[in-house]
Amino acid sequence: MADPVRRGIILKLLNNCDGMSCTETCENMSPSTISFHYKVLRESGLIRSEKVGVQVLNTVRTDEMNKRFPGLLDSILKHHKESKSK
């Protein structure tokens, strides 16, 4: 969550409850860069990737995060939004 790109990905995923593909959340990035950011998010336990047909849909593991670290996700994303508006 320290990287602004990953915070942006999380924010976009949170705004779409049905899940999104990697390319939907990362415009103007090379495939290797997108893959790297998603790997970090998956390995840290922040997102879940599920294959649906030929697409891989990604969702934030909000319930698990809030249970383990109450309020942390909201706090980080609030800070991210505030820093983007400055």
Protein backbone atom coordinates (compact mmCIF):
# COMPACT_ATOMS: atom_id res chain seq x y z
CA MET A 1 0.00 0.00 0.00
CA ALA A 2 3.03 2.29 0.09
CA ASP A 3 3.04 2.61 -3.69
CA PRO A 4 0.54 5.11 -5.15
CA VAL A 5 -0.10 2.86 -8.16
CA ARG A 6 -1.14 -0.02 -5.90
CA ARG A 7 -3.30 2.27 -3.78
CA GLY A 8 -4.97 3.44 -7.00
CA ILE A 9 -5.60 -0.15 -8.05
CA ILE A 10 -7.16 -0.95 -4.66
CA LEU A 11 -9.34 2.16 -4.88
CA LYS A 12 -10.61 1.22 -8.35
CA LEU A 13 -11.32 -2.34 -7.23
CA LEU A 14 -13.22 -1.12 -4.17
CA ASN A 15 -15.43 1.01 -6.42
CA ASN A 16 -16.37 -2.06 -8.48
CA CYS A 17 -17.81 -4.83 -6.29
CA ASP A 18 -18.03 -7.33 -9.17
CA GLY A 19 -14.27 -7.35 -9.71
CA MET A 20 -12.15 -6.02 -12.52
CA SER A 21 -9.49 -7.37 -14.81
CA CYS A 22 -5.91 -6.12 -14.57
CA THR A 23 -6.15 -4.15 -17.79
CA GLU A 24 -9.31 -2.36 -16.64
CA THR A 25 -7.57 -0.90 -13.61
CA CYS A 26 -4.18 -0.08 -15.14
CA GLU A 27 -4.36 2.04 -18.24
CA ASN A 28 -1.17 3.18 -19.96
CA MET A 29 1.08 0.64 -18.22
CA SER A 30 3.15 -2.12 -19.70
CA PRO A 31 1.92 -5.68 -19.06
CA SER A 32 5.01 -6.50 -16.99
CA THR A 33 4.42 -3.49 -14.72
CA ILE A 34 0.75 -4.41 -14.26
CA SER A 35 1.69 -8.01 -13.51
CA PHE A 36 4.25 -6.90 -10.91
CA HIS A 37 1.79 -4.66 -9.03
CA TYR A 38 -0.91 -7.35 -9.00
CA LYS A 39 1.58 -9.96 -7.80
CA VAL A 40 2.55 -7.74 -4.85
CA LEU A 41 -1.12 -7.13 -3.98
CA ARG A 42 -1.98 -10.84 -4.19
CA GLU A 43 1.03 -12.00 -2.19
CA SER A 44 0.33 -9.44 0.53
CA GLY A 45 -3.22 -10.78 0.84
CA LEU A 46 -4.95 -7.57 -0.21
CA ILE A 47 -6.68 -8.91 -3.32
CA ARG A 48 -8.15 -12.14 -4.58
CA SER A 49 -7.91 -13.19 -8.23
CA GLU A 50 -10.54 -15.54 -9.64
CA LYS A 51 -10.72 -16.98 -13.13
CA VAL A 52 -14.15 -16.46 -14.69
CA GLY A 53 -14.26 -17.89 -18.20
CA VAL A 54 -11.23 -16.47 -19.97
CA GLN A 55 -10.94 -13.44 -17.69
CA VAL A 56 -9.27 -13.12 -14.32
CA LEU A 57 -11.32 -10.88 -12.04
CA ASN A 58 -9.69 -9.21 -9.07
CA THR A 59 -11.43 -8.13 -5.88
CA VAL A 60 -10.24 -6.59 -2.64
CA ARG A 61 -10.36 -8.85 0.40
CA THR A 62 -12.11 -6.11 2.37
CA ASP A 63 -13.79 -8.30 4.99
CA GLU A 64 -10.57 -10.15 5.82
CA MET A 65 -8.57 -6.90 5.99
CA ASN A 66 -11.12 -5.15 8.20
CA LYS A 67 -11.31 -8.14 10.53
CA ARG A 68 -7.55 -8.34 10.96
CA PHE A 69 -6.73 -4.62 10.81
CA PRO A 70 -9.91 -2.65 11.60
CA GLY A 71 -9.99 0.75 9.87
CA LEU A 72 -6.54 0.47 8.31
CA LEU A 73 -7.69 0.09 4.71
CA ASP A 74 -10.12 3.01 5.00
CA SER A 75 -7.47 5.20 6.60
CA ILE A 76 -4.86 4.51 3.91
CA LEU A 77 -7.32 5.08 1.08
CA LYS A 78 -8.62 8.29 2.67
CA HIS A 79 -5.05 9.58 2.83
CA HIS A 80 -4.50 8.54 -0.81
CA LYS A 81 -7.59 10.49 -1.96
CA GLU A 82 -6.54 13.56 0.03
CA SER A 83 -3.00 13.51 -1.35
CA LYS A 84 -4.32 13.19 -4.92
CA SER A 85 -6.56 16.24 -4.52
CA LYS A 86 -3.67 18.52 -3.48
